[in-house]
Amino acid sequence: MTQAAASANGAELKRSMGSIGALMVTLSALSPTIGVFIVGSDVIHQAGTSVLLCFGAAVGLGVIMACVYAELVSAFPETGAEYTMVGRAAGPLWGFAVLGLCLFGLTIALALSALGTATYLRAVLPELPPVATAAVLVVTVTGLATLNLRVNAVLTGLFLATEVASLVVLTALGFLHPARTLASAFTPVMATSTGLMPASIAVIGTAAAGAVYAFNGYGSVAGFGEELHNAPTASARVIFLALGLAAVLQLLPVAAVLIGAPDLHALMTAAKPLPAFIAQAGGPTLATVMSLGIALAIFNSMIVVALLAGRILFSTARDGCWPVAANRALLRLHPRFGSPWTATLVMGAVGTLWCVVPENILLTTISGGIVVIYTLLCVAVIAGRRSGATAHAAYRMPLYPLIPIAALIVLAGIVWTSLGDAAVGRPGLFATAAIVAVSLGYYRFALHGRGRWAHRGPGGAPGAALLP
């Protein structure tokens, strides 16, 4: 059967990955190094030693949302991830709201991550042009993402081992040369122009909202449900394991830095607090090596983002979201690797184009997306319980409906906090609202009632999706 014929009869991804591979890929998407060095540095700037409280609160929300993700993915282990889970449980209109955020968010995340990688590479090669370097990085990870998923799982696992080693080194630097006790490191103080002062509840709350991004990614396994053996039960297990390991790999290094930093004020006011600590405690050579480690960690995360992006776009073509010719093209699987290579290349091309857009605009555009996606996932898990759509789920969260209700309350607090942030938070929410409006409009006016679109899932015949 030709590739075109295979697509016309329902392209299917192959189950080629086990739980260990899925855990490696998911942890790479979460990237503890990014959480510590990038998000952790931002939170230290905002709230000082309250970073531990902020990260702890973020882990708490992570546990709640992990329960939501686990129930939905065990019910719908499909490559459409959040788009499919929300659409099947809460209805297609809300699924499309998530779809727009995913498609925009993943391609922009590729560009932002590439620009961040270029920044750390310039610590070693300052002559590198940032935009051109970022574009080359996106092209490179897109090419890697067209390979077999099991190959990518091995590759990301090797990169992840290097990432964990860098975090172990950072932890050792702090704990082996303590400047204060752990109890004093937990005292919430922040930097001012003249010294240290107690951090207010408002400051801690704002910083905690930002800390949520350090632990986002444990739900990435949802996008590989059609390629994971025993997906309904394995996916839920991977979600909790990834979050638990990320908590350990991030909280310990951050605590070590607070204990080992000779001067807390200098740490909090440094342009890059964590690299500054390494340079002081381990010397400039180690700082340079760690900068390369951070660049590698971001690059590793980019590979998983590219993998997810291609698979979500592939799932939309199977559902018939686009014109017939586009659906046919996006459903093509690589004849050797079995990957959705056309869809992956399209998302990579869009990500490459985003590299020429200023970083502050990219950050603003996607900053509110995760909060809305989390909110719609909570709505979906409640709707699925009420309608019975998730009754077959292999995992059922405890304490229902308290868990999704608690998550919605916390997310409402994050939205309220973001509205008070005129620089990024408020514009980000407005940009998110615009993306959702366009997505809902596309479904309502381009697809609704025309008979071609439907959630089809693995093995579902595309049917009208490929018929003019």
Protein backbone atom coordinates (compact mmCIF):
# COMPACT_ATOMS: atom_id res chain seq x y z
CA MET A 1 0.00 0.00 0.00
CA THR A 2 1.37 3.43 -0.92
CA GLN A 3 1.80 6.15 1.67
CA ALA A 4 -1.04 8.15 0.12
CA ALA A 5 -3.30 5.12 0.23
CA ALA A 6 -2.39 4.47 3.82
CA SER A 7 -3.29 8.03 4.71
CA ALA A 8 -6.60 7.81 2.93
CA ASN A 9 -7.50 4.70 4.88
CA GLY A 10 -6.64 6.08 8.29
CA ALA A 11 -3.01 6.75 9.19
CA GLU A 12 -2.03 5.13 12.46
CA LEU A 13 0.97 5.75 14.66
CA LYS A 14 2.83 2.67 15.88
CA ARG A 15 3.14 1.68 19.54
CA SER A 16 6.91 1.72 19.89
CA MET A 17 7.61 3.27 23.31
CA GLY A 18 7.56 1.80 26.80
CA SER A 19 6.99 3.50 30.15
CA ILE A 20 10.69 4.28 30.72
CA GLY A 21 10.98 6.00 27.35
CA ALA A 22 7.78 7.91 28.02
CA LEU A 23 9.15 9.04 31.39
CA MET A 24 12.38 10.27 29.76
CA VAL A 25 10.47 12.21 27.13
CA THR A 26 8.08 13.70 29.69
CA LEU A 27 10.86 14.73 32.08
CA SER A 28 12.70 16.29 29.15
CA ALA A 29 9.61 18.32 28.29
CA LEU A 30 9.31 19.42 31.91
CA SER A 31 13.08 20.13 32.03
CA PRO A 32 14.10 20.59 35.68
CA THR A 33 17.14 22.59 34.58
CA ILE A 34 14.93 25.21 32.92
CA GLY A 35 12.81 25.28 36.07
CA VAL A 36 15.82 25.87 38.32
CA PHE A 37 18.00 28.18 36.25
CA ILE A 38 15.43 30.23 34.33
CA VAL A 39 12.18 30.18 36.29
CA GLY A 40 14.04 29.89 39.60
CA SER A 41 16.16 32.94 38.77
CA ASP A 42 13.03 34.97 37.95
CA VAL A 43 11.33 33.95 41.19
CA ILE A 44 14.45 34.79 43.24
CA HIS A 45 14.46 38.24 41.64
CA GLN A 46 10.83 38.72 42.62
CA ALA A 47 10.55 37.10 46.03
CA GLY A 48 14.05 36.23 47.26
CA THR A 49 14.20 33.27 49.61
CA SER A 50 10.44 32.80 49.19
CA VAL A 51 11.40 30.84 46.08
CA LEU A 52 11.14 27.65 48.15
CA LEU A 53 7.59 28.50 49.25
CA CYS A 54 6.68 29.46 45.69
CA PHE A 55 8.09 26.24 44.24
CA GLY A 56 6.34 24.24 46.97
CA ALA A 57 3.02 25.88 46.09
CA ALA A 58 3.63 25.15 42.41
CA VAL A 59 4.24 21.48 43.24
CA GLY A 60 0.96 21.44 45.17
CA LEU A 61 -0.94 22.75 42.15
CA GLY A 62 1.01 20.26 40.04
CA VAL A 63 -0.25 17.33 42.13
CA ILE A 64 -3.83 18.55 41.73
CA MET A 65 -3.49 19.06 37.98
CA ALA A 66 -1.65 15.73 37.61
CA CYS A 67 -4.79 14.04 38.93
CA VAL A 68 -6.84 15.87 36.29
CA TYR A 69 -4.42 15.01 33.50
CA ALA A 70 -4.16 11.38 34.60
CA GLU A 71 -7.92 10.81 34.57
CA LEU A 72 -8.41 12.44 31.18
CA VAL A 73 -5.43 10.83 29.46
CA SER A 74 -6.32 7.39 30.80
CA ALA A 75 -9.76 7.87 29.25
CA PHE A 76 -8.52 9.34 25.96
CA PRO A 77 -4.90 8.26 25.29
CA GLU A 78 -4.78 9.92 21.88
CA THR A 79 -2.18 12.01 20.12
CA GLY A 80 -4.38 15.11 20.15
CA ALA A 81 -3.51 15.59 23.85
CA GLU A 82 -5.40 18.49 25.50
CA TYR A 83 -7.34 19.26 22.32
CA THR A 84 -8.74 15.74 22.18
CA MET A 85 -9.25 15.29 25.93
CA VAL A 86 -11.18 18.53 26.38
CA GLY A 87 -13.08 18.07 23.12
CA ARG A 88 -14.24 14.55 23.95
CA ALA A 89 -15.14 15.30 27.57
CA ALA A 90 -16.53 18.85 27.38
CA GLY A 91 -17.49 19.20 23.73
CA PRO A 92 -15.77 20.20 20.48
CA LEU A 93 -16.23 23.95 20.97
CA TRP A 94 -14.00 23.89 24.06
CA GLY A 95 -11.65 21.45 22.41
CA PHE A 96 -11.03 24.02 19.71
CA ALA A 97 -10.36 26.71 22.32
CA VAL A 98 -7.56 24.48 23.61
CA LEU A 99 -6.41 23.60 20.09
CA GLY A 100 -5.69 27.21 19.19
CA LEU A 101 -3.69 27.69 22.38
CA CYS A 102 -1.73 24.48 21.73
CA LEU A 103 -0.87 25.28 18.12
CA PHE A 104 0.18 28.83 18.90
CA GLY A 105 1.83 27.90 22.18
CA LEU A 106 3.94 25.02 20.88
CA THR A 107 5.29 26.87 17.85
CA ILE A 108 6.04 29.99 19.89
CA ALA A 109 7.63 27.83 22.59
CA LEU A 110 10.00 26.44 19.96
CA ALA A 111 11.11 29.95 19.04
CA LEU A 112 11.40 31.17 22.63
CA SER A 113 13.38 28.10 23.67
CA ALA A 114 15.68 28.47 20.67
CA LEU A 115 16.33 32.12 21.50
CA GLY A 116 17.04 31.12 25.11
CA THR A 117 19.44 28.40 23.98
CA ALA A 118 21.22 30.89 21.76
CA THR A 119 21.65 33.22 24.74
CA TYR A 120 23.43 30.56 26.79
CA LEU A 121 25.52 29.43 23.83
CA ARG A 122 26.75 32.99 23.43
CA ALA A 123 28.36 32.69 26.86
CA VAL A 124 30.88 30.48 25.09
CA LEU A 125 30.63 31.83 21.53
CA PRO A 126 29.68 35.51 21.88
CA GLU A 127 29.87 36.11 18.12
CA LEU A 128 26.84 33.87 17.43
CA PRO A 129 23.95 35.85 15.88
CA PRO A 130 20.96 35.13 18.16
CA VAL A 131 18.12 35.08 15.61
CA ALA A 132 19.99 33.04 13.00
CA THR A 133 21.22 30.63 15.69
CA ALA A 134 17.69 30.22 17.03
CA ALA A 135 16.34 29.49 13.55
CA VAL A 136 19.03 26.84 12.97
CA LEU A 137 18.16 25.24 16.32
CA VAL A 138 14.46 25.05 15.45
CA VAL A 139 15.27 23.49 12.07
CA THR A 140 17.57 20.98 13.79
CA VAL A 141 15.05 19.82 16.40
CA THR A 142 12.35 19.63 13.75
CA GLY A 143 14.54 17.27 11.76
CA LEU A 144 15.20 15.15 14.86
CA ALA A 145 11.46 15.05 15.62
CA THR A 146 10.76 13.33 12.30
CA LEU A 147 12.74 10.30 13.48
CA ASN A 148 11.25 7.26 15.19
CA LEU A 149 9.81 8.13 18.62
CA ARG A 150 11.85 5.41 20.33
CA VAL A 151 15.04 6.95 18.88
CA ASN A 152 13.99 10.32 20.24
CA ALA A 153 13.27 8.76 23.64
CA VAL A 154 16.83 7.42 23.78
CA LEU A 155 18.25 10.74 22.60
CA THR A 156 16.31 12.82 25.12
CA GLY A 157 17.21 10.31 27.83
CA LEU A 158 20.93 10.84 27.17
CA PHE A 159 20.51 14.61 27.25
CA LEU A 160 18.44 14.30 30.41
CA ALA A 161 21.25 12.40 32.14
CA THR A 162 23.56 15.35 31.48
CA GLU A 163 20.88 17.70 32.76
CA VAL A 164 20.49 15.76 36.01
CA ALA A 165 24.28 15.71 36.46
CA SER A 166 24.39 19.50 36.28
CA LEU A 167 21.69 19.76 38.95
CA VAL A 168 23.60 17.33 41.18
CA VAL A 169 26.70 19.51 40.84
CA LEU A 170 24.69 22.62 41.75
CA THR A 171 23.20 20.86 44.78
CA ALA A 172 26.62 19.71 45.96
CA LEU A 173 28.08 23.23 45.63
CA GLY A 174 25.46 24.56 48.01
CA PHE A 175 25.20 21.82 50.61
CA LEU A 176 28.95 21.17 50.87
CA HIS A 177 29.72 24.84 51.57
CA PRO A 178 26.81 26.09 53.72
CA ALA A 179 26.66 29.76 54.68
CA ARG A 180 23.46 29.43 56.74
CA THR A 181 21.03 26.82 58.08
CA LEU A 182 18.14 25.37 56.14
CA ALA A 183 15.69 27.00 58.57
CA SER A 184 17.08 30.46 57.87
CA ALA A 185 16.93 29.76 54.13
CA PHE A 186 13.18 29.28 54.51
CA THR A 187 12.75 32.74 56.06
CA PRO A 188 10.91 34.74 53.36
CA VAL A 189 13.02 37.83 52.64
CA MET A 190 13.54 39.77 49.41
CA ALA A 191 16.07 42.28 48.16
CA THR A 192 15.65 46.06 48.17
CA SER A 193 18.07 48.72 46.98
CA THR A 194 19.59 48.92 50.45
CA GLY A 195 19.37 45.39 51.83
CA LEU A 196 16.86 42.67 52.72
CA MET A 197 13.27 42.99 53.90
CA PRO A 198 10.45 40.50 54.64
CA ALA A 199 8.59 39.41 51.50
CA SER A 200 4.91 40.34 51.53
CA ILE A 201 2.08 37.91 50.84
CA ALA A 202 1.29 39.79 47.61
CA VAL A 203 4.85 39.42 46.36
CA ILE A 204 4.94 35.73 47.26
CA GLY A 205 1.60 35.17 45.53
CA THR A 206 2.75 36.87 42.33
CA ALA A 207 6.01 34.90 42.32
CA ALA A 208 4.17 31.63 43.03
CA ALA A 209 2.05 32.22 39.92
CA GLY A 210 5.26 32.41 37.90
CA ALA A 211 6.68 29.32 39.61
CA VAL A 212 3.88 27.23 38.09
CA TYR A 213 5.81 27.30 34.80
CA ALA A 214 8.74 25.50 36.42
CA PHE A 215 6.68 22.33 36.75
CA ASN A 216 4.56 22.49 33.61
CA GLY A 217 5.16 19.56 31.26
CA TYR A 218 4.22 16.46 33.28
CA GLY A 219 1.14 16.14 31.05
CA SER A 220 3.22 15.94 27.87
CA VAL A 221 2.84 12.17 27.80
CA ALA A 222 -0.76 12.79 26.73
CA GLY A 223 0.49 13.57 23.23
CA PHE A 224 2.13 10.15 22.86
CA GLY A 225 -0.82 8.00 23.91
CA GLU A 226 -1.08 6.26 20.55
CA GLU A 227 2.61 5.28 20.58
CA LEU A 228 2.87 4.11 24.20
CA HIS A 229 2.33 0.48 25.17
CA ASN A 230 -0.53 0.02 27.66
CA ALA A 231 -1.21 3.75 27.38
CA PRO A 232 -4.29 4.12 29.65
CA THR A 233 -2.48 2.93 32.78
CA ALA A 234 1.10 3.76 31.80
CA SER A 235 0.30 7.40 31.01
CA ALA A 236 -1.16 8.11 34.44
CA ARG A 237 1.84 6.48 36.13
CA VAL A 238 4.30 8.50 34.04
CA ILE A 239 2.54 11.77 34.91
CA PHE A 240 2.94 11.27 38.65
CA LEU A 241 6.49 9.92 38.39
CA ALA A 242 7.59 12.85 36.23
CA LEU A 243 6.12 15.40 38.62
CA GLY A 244 7.64 13.67 41.66
CA LEU A 245 11.11 13.50 40.12
CA ALA A 246 10.86 17.11 38.94
CA ALA A 247 9.98 18.23 42.47
CA VAL A 248 13.08 16.55 43.89
CA LEU A 249 15.35 17.72 41.06
CA GLN A 250 14.24 21.33 41.46
CA LEU A 251 13.61 21.84 45.17
CA LEU A 252 16.94 20.38 46.32
CA PRO A 253 19.18 22.58 44.08
CA VAL A 254 17.21 25.72 44.92
CA ALA A 255 17.47 24.97 48.65
CA ALA A 256 21.21 24.29 48.24
CA VAL A 257 21.77 27.66 46.58
CA LEU A 258 19.96 29.51 49.37
CA ILE A 259 22.02 27.66 51.98
CA GLY A 260 25.35 28.07 50.18
CA ALA A 261 25.12 31.65 48.84
CA PRO A 262 27.64 33.78 50.83
CA ASP A 263 25.62 36.97 50.21
CA LEU A 264 21.84 36.66 49.75
CA HIS A 265 21.44 40.25 48.60
CA ALA A 266 24.09 39.78 45.91
CA LEU A 267 22.37 36.56 44.83
CA MET A 268 18.95 38.19 44.54
CA THR A 269 20.18 41.22 42.63
CA ALA A 270 22.46 39.37 40.19
CA ALA A 271 21.34 39.44 36.55
CA LYS A 272 21.37 35.61 36.55
CA PRO A 273 21.29 34.45 40.19
CA LEU A 274 21.99 30.75 39.67
CA PRO A 275 24.88 31.12 37.19
CA ALA A 276 26.29 33.87 39.43
CA PHE A 277 26.26 31.49 42.39
CA ILE A 278 28.06 28.82 40.36
CA ALA A 279 30.71 31.27 39.19
CA GLN A 280 31.33 32.33 42.79
CA ALA A 281 31.26 28.85 44.34
CA GLY A 282 32.81 26.81 41.52
CA GLY A 283 34.75 29.28 39.41
CA PRO A 284 34.29 30.71 35.90
CA THR A 285 35.17 27.48 34.09
CA LEU A 286 32.42 25.56 35.84
CA ALA A 287 30.04 28.45 35.17
CA THR A 288 30.81 28.20 31.46
CA VAL A 289 30.30 24.43 31.46
CA MET A 290 26.99 24.88 33.29
CA SER A 291 25.88 27.46 30.72
CA LEU A 292 26.42 24.82 28.06
CA GLY A 293 24.44 22.38 30.22
CA ILE A 294 21.54 24.83 30.39
CA ALA A 295 21.66 25.28 26.61
CA LEU A 296 21.57 21.48 26.19
CA ALA A 297 18.61 21.19 28.58
CA ILE A 298 16.61 23.78 26.63
CA PHE A 299 17.53 22.06 23.36
CA ASN A 300 16.38 18.74 24.82
CA SER A 301 13.06 20.26 25.80
CA MET A 302 12.71 21.68 22.29
CA ILE A 303 12.89 18.18 20.81
CA VAL A 304 9.86 17.10 22.84
CA VAL A 305 7.97 20.29 21.94
CA ALA A 306 8.59 19.56 18.25
CA LEU A 307 7.41 15.96 18.73
CA LEU A 308 4.21 17.12 20.42
CA ALA A 309 3.54 19.89 17.92
CA GLY A 310 3.65 17.54 14.95
CA ARG A 311 1.42 14.97 16.60
CA ILE A 312 -1.26 17.43 17.60
CA LEU A 313 -1.38 18.88 14.07
CA PHE A 314 -1.53 15.31 12.72
CA SER A 315 -4.55 14.59 14.94
CA THR A 316 -6.37 17.67 13.64
CA ALA A 317 -5.93 16.46 10.07
CA ARG A 318 -7.32 13.05 11.00
CA ASP A 319 -10.34 14.82 12.49
CA GLY A 320 -10.85 16.84 9.29
CA CYS A 321 -10.07 20.30 10.68
CA TRP A 322 -8.60 21.70 7.46
CA PRO A 323 -9.27 21.74 3.73
CA VAL A 324 -9.13 18.30 2.15
CA ALA A 325 -5.75 18.76 0.45
CA ALA A 326 -4.20 19.98 3.70
CA ASN A 327 -5.65 17.01 5.62
CA ARG A 328 -4.17 14.59 3.11
CA ALA A 329 -0.74 16.17 3.36
CA LEU A 330 -0.68 16.40 7.15
CA LEU A 331 -1.70 12.74 7.55
CA ARG A 332 1.40 11.43 5.81
CA LEU A 333 3.58 9.18 7.95
CA HIS A 334 7.28 8.67 7.28
CA PRO A 335 7.67 5.34 5.43
CA ARG A 336 10.65 4.32 7.59
CA PHE A 337 10.21 6.03 10.95
CA GLY A 338 6.40 6.02 11.17
CA SER A 339 6.38 9.63 12.36
CA PRO A 340 3.92 12.34 11.25
CA TRP A 341 6.75 14.01 9.39
CA THR A 342 4.75 16.44 7.24
CA ALA A 343 2.84 17.82 10.20
CA THR A 344 6.08 18.07 12.18
CA LEU A 345 7.80 20.00 9.39
CA VAL A 346 4.88 22.42 9.12
CA MET A 347 4.95 23.20 12.85
CA GLY A 348 8.74 23.52 12.73
CA ALA A 349 8.50 25.96 9.83
CA VAL A 350 6.06 28.13 11.79
CA GLY A 351 8.34 27.97 14.83
CA THR A 352 11.26 29.09 12.68
CA LEU A 353 9.30 32.12 11.47
CA TRP A 354 8.50 33.10 15.08
CA CYS A 355 12.24 33.47 15.72
CA VAL A 356 12.28 36.88 14.01
CA VAL A 357 9.61 38.24 16.38
CA PRO A 358 10.90 40.05 19.51
CA GLU A 359 11.03 37.81 22.58
CA ASN A 360 8.85 40.09 24.72
CA ILE A 361 6.02 39.83 22.18
CA LEU A 362 6.33 36.04 22.03
CA LEU A 363 6.36 35.75 25.82
CA THR A 364 3.33 38.01 26.15
CA THR A 365 1.42 36.06 23.50
CA ILE A 366 1.66 32.70 25.29
CA SER A 367 1.98 33.74 28.93
CA GLY A 368 -1.69 33.22 29.75
CA GLY A 369 -2.22 30.06 27.73
CA ILE A 370 -1.29 27.50 30.37
CA VAL A 371 -3.76 28.94 32.89
CA VAL A 372 -6.62 28.73 30.41
CA ILE A 373 -5.64 25.21 29.32
CA TYR A 374 -5.52 24.07 32.95
CA THR A 375 -8.91 25.68 33.56
CA LEU A 376 -10.51 23.93 30.58
CA LEU A 377 -8.99 20.60 31.63
CA CYS A 378 -10.67 20.98 35.04
CA VAL A 379 -13.96 21.82 33.35
CA ALA A 380 -13.51 18.81 31.08
CA VAL A 381 -12.88 16.35 33.92
CA ILE A 382 -16.04 17.57 35.68
CA ALA A 383 -18.05 17.41 32.45
CA GLY A 384 -16.71 13.92 31.72
CA ARG A 385 -17.81 12.64 35.12
CA ARG A 386 -21.28 14.18 34.76
CA SER A 387 -21.87 12.84 31.25
CA GLY A 388 -20.14 9.50 31.74
CA ALA A 389 -17.67 10.25 28.93
CA THR A 390 -14.74 9.33 31.19
CA ALA A 391 -16.43 6.42 32.96
CA HIS A 392 -14.04 3.97 31.26
CA ALA A 393 -10.91 5.79 32.49
CA ALA A 394 -8.22 3.47 33.86
CA TYR A 395 -7.38 6.07 36.54
CA ARG A 396 -10.00 7.82 38.70
CA MET A 397 -8.80 10.66 40.88
CA PRO A 398 -9.50 10.57 44.64
CA LEU A 399 -11.52 13.23 46.44
CA TYR A 400 -13.58 14.13 43.38
CA PRO A 401 -14.90 16.86 42.89
CA LEU A 402 -12.73 18.61 45.49
CA ILE A 403 -9.55 18.30 43.42
CA PRO A 404 -10.75 20.05 40.23
CA ILE A 405 -12.64 22.64 42.29
CA ALA A 406 -9.49 23.39 44.30
CA ALA A 407 -7.54 23.73 41.06
CA LEU A 408 -10.10 26.17 39.66
CA ILE A 409 -9.85 28.30 42.79
CA VAL A 410 -6.05 28.42 42.56
CA LEU A 411 -6.21 29.19 38.83
CA ALA A 412 -8.68 32.01 39.49
CA GLY A 413 -6.13 33.45 41.93
CA ILE A 414 -3.41 33.25 39.27
CA VAL A 415 -5.66 35.07 36.79
CA TRP A 416 -6.35 37.77 39.37
CA THR A 417 -2.63 38.13 40.03
CA SER A 418 -1.88 38.25 36.29
CA LEU A 419 -4.41 41.02 35.77
CA GLY A 420 -2.36 43.14 38.15
CA ASP A 421 0.78 42.64 36.06
CA ALA A 422 0.60 45.35 33.40
CA ALA A 423 3.89 44.31 31.76
CA VAL A 424 3.22 40.66 30.86
CA GLY A 425 0.32 39.14 32.83
CA ARG A 426 -2.55 41.35 31.68
CA PRO A 427 -1.48 41.61 28.01
CA GLY A 428 -0.89 37.86 28.06
CA LEU A 429 -4.45 37.18 29.17
CA PHE A 430 -5.77 39.51 26.47
CA ALA A 431 -3.66 37.72 23.83
CA THR A 432 -4.92 34.37 25.10
CA ALA A 433 -8.53 35.59 24.89
CA ALA A 434 -7.92 36.67 21.29
CA ILE A 435 -6.50 33.25 20.34
CA VAL A 436 -9.45 31.50 21.96
CA ALA A 437 -11.91 33.79 20.14
CA VAL A 438 -10.29 33.05 16.76
CA SER A 439 -10.28 29.31 17.49
CA LEU A 440 -13.94 29.26 18.50
CA GLY A 441 -14.84 31.38 15.47
CA TYR A 442 -13.04 28.96 13.14
CA TYR A 443 -14.91 25.98 14.54
CA ARG A 444 -18.26 27.76 14.54
CA PHE A 445 -18.14 29.27 11.07
CA ALA A 446 -15.76 27.00 9.13
CA LEU A 447 -16.51 23.52 10.52
CA HIS A 448 -19.70 23.37 12.58
CA GLY A 449 -22.54 21.68 10.71
CA ARG A 450 -20.51 20.88 7.59
CA GLY A 451 -20.18 17.17 8.35
CA ARG A 452 -16.45 16.68 7.80
CA TRP A 453 -15.06 17.27 11.30
CA ALA A 454 -15.24 14.68 14.09
CA HIS A 455 -12.92 13.28 16.75
CA ARG A 456 -11.79 10.03 15.13
CA GLY A 457 -8.95 8.72 17.27
CA PRO A 458 -6.49 5.94 16.40
CA GLY A 459 -7.80 3.66 13.71
CA GLY A 460 -10.74 5.96 13.01
CA ALA A 461 -11.34 6.22 9.27
CA PRO A 462 -10.85 9.80 8.11
CA GLY A 463 -13.84 9.44 5.82
CA ALA A 464 -15.25 12.88 5.03
CA ALA A 465 -12.04 14.50 6.21
CA LEU A 466 -10.42 13.41 2.94
CA LEU A 467 -13.41 13.64 0.63
CA PRO A 468 -14.17 16.83 -1.31
